[in-house]
Protein backbone atom coordinates (compact mmCIF):
# COMPACT_ATOMS: atom_id res chain seq x y z
CA UNK A 1 235.78 -39.79 162.26
CA UNK A 2 236.07 -41.43 158.73
CA UNK A 3 236.63 -39.05 155.97
CA UNK A 4 238.18 -38.96 152.50
CA UNK A 5 241.35 -36.98 152.10
CA UNK A 6 242.76 -35.85 148.81
CA UNK A 7 246.19 -37.00 148.48
CA UNK A 8 247.40 -33.78 146.82
CA UNK A 9 246.24 -31.72 149.72
CA UNK A 10 247.24 -34.05 152.43
CA UNK A 11 249.61 -31.69 154.16
CA UNK A 12 247.40 -28.65 153.93
CA UNK A 13 245.78 -27.21 156.87
CA UNK A 14 241.90 -26.36 156.90
CA UNK A 15 241.33 -23.24 155.11
CA UNK A 16 244.78 -23.02 153.40
CA UNK A 17 245.03 -22.35 149.87
CA UNK A 18 247.03 -24.44 147.22
CA UNK A 19 249.87 -22.64 145.29
CA UNK A 20 249.94 -22.51 141.50
CA UNK A 21 252.26 -25.06 139.89
CA UNK A 22 255.59 -23.81 138.71
CA UNK A 23 255.68 -25.75 135.36
CA UNK A 24 258.91 -26.60 133.65
CA UNK A 25 260.24 -22.89 133.22
CA UNK A 26 260.77 -21.15 136.43
CA UNK A 27 260.13 -17.33 135.97
CA UNK A 28 263.13 -15.79 137.68
CA UNK A 29 263.44 -12.07 137.43
CA UNK A 30 266.89 -10.87 138.36
CA UNK A 31 265.40 -7.44 139.52
CA UNK A 32 263.17 -9.27 142.00
CA UNK A 33 265.86 -11.84 143.19
CA UNK A 34 268.43 -9.04 143.83
CA UNK A 35 265.80 -6.95 145.53
CA UNK A 36 265.15 -9.63 148.03
CA UNK A 37 268.68 -10.68 148.57
CA UNK A 38 268.17 -13.96 146.45
CA UNK A 39 265.75 -15.50 148.79
CA UNK A 40 262.68 -15.75 146.72
CA UNK A 41 260.29 -18.68 146.30
CA UNK A 42 261.25 -18.88 142.55
CA UNK A 43 264.92 -18.78 143.29
CA UNK A 44 264.51 -21.38 145.86
CA UNK A 45 262.59 -23.69 143.52
CA UNK A 46 265.33 -23.39 141.01
CA UNK A 47 268.08 -24.24 143.50
CA UNK A 48 266.09 -27.36 144.45
CA UNK A 49 265.83 -28.48 141.04
CA UNK A 50 269.49 -27.90 140.32
CA UNK A 51 270.36 -29.78 143.37
CA UNK A 52 268.13 -32.72 142.46
CA UNK A 53 269.68 -32.62 138.90
CA UNK A 54 273.29 -32.83 140.56
CA UNK A 55 272.47 -35.77 142.82
CA UNK A 56 270.86 -37.60 139.92
CA UNK A 57 274.05 -36.91 137.70
CA UNK A 58 276.43 -38.07 140.50
CA UNK A 59 274.40 -41.27 141.02
CA UNK A 60 274.49 -41.89 137.37
CA UNK A 61 278.11 -41.30 136.98
CA UNK A 62 278.81 -43.68 140.05
CA UNK A 63 276.50 -46.41 138.50
CA UNK A 64 277.91 -46.03 134.94
CA UNK A 65 281.58 -46.25 136.12
CA UNK A 66 281.14 -48.69 138.96
CA UNK A 67 282.97 -46.11 141.34
CA UNK A 68 281.59 -45.76 144.79
CA UNK A 69 279.37 -42.82 145.18
CA UNK A 70 281.63 -41.00 147.79
CA UNK A 71 284.69 -41.46 145.38
CA UNK A 72 282.73 -39.69 142.61
CA UNK A 73 281.71 -36.94 144.95
CA UNK A 74 285.47 -36.65 146.11
CA UNK A 75 286.76 -36.39 142.51
CA UNK A 76 284.14 -33.63 141.81
CA UNK A 77 285.33 -31.59 144.68
CA UNK A 78 289.08 -31.82 143.89
CA UNK A 79 290.07 -34.56 146.18
CA UNK A 80 289.65 -32.61 149.42
CA UNK A 81 287.21 -35.13 150.94
CA UNK A 82 289.43 -38.18 151.15
CA UNK A 83 293.31 -38.43 151.03
């Protein structure tokens, strides 16, 4: 069966609805986050974005200084990884 798939909905199951895009600013409400124990979709989106930013910053530091990636990470965590 040949049919055309939309690349943006490739992983969606039939009948599943798409979510609204978050945009640049994530609407975090401290009241909602605390009520759900911090595990909200908005909080997870913020955590994921901050993790990606940290990874990019670490790689950029490694490239800019010529220091191996794991040594940069070791310095960031206070030298507890490697003696």
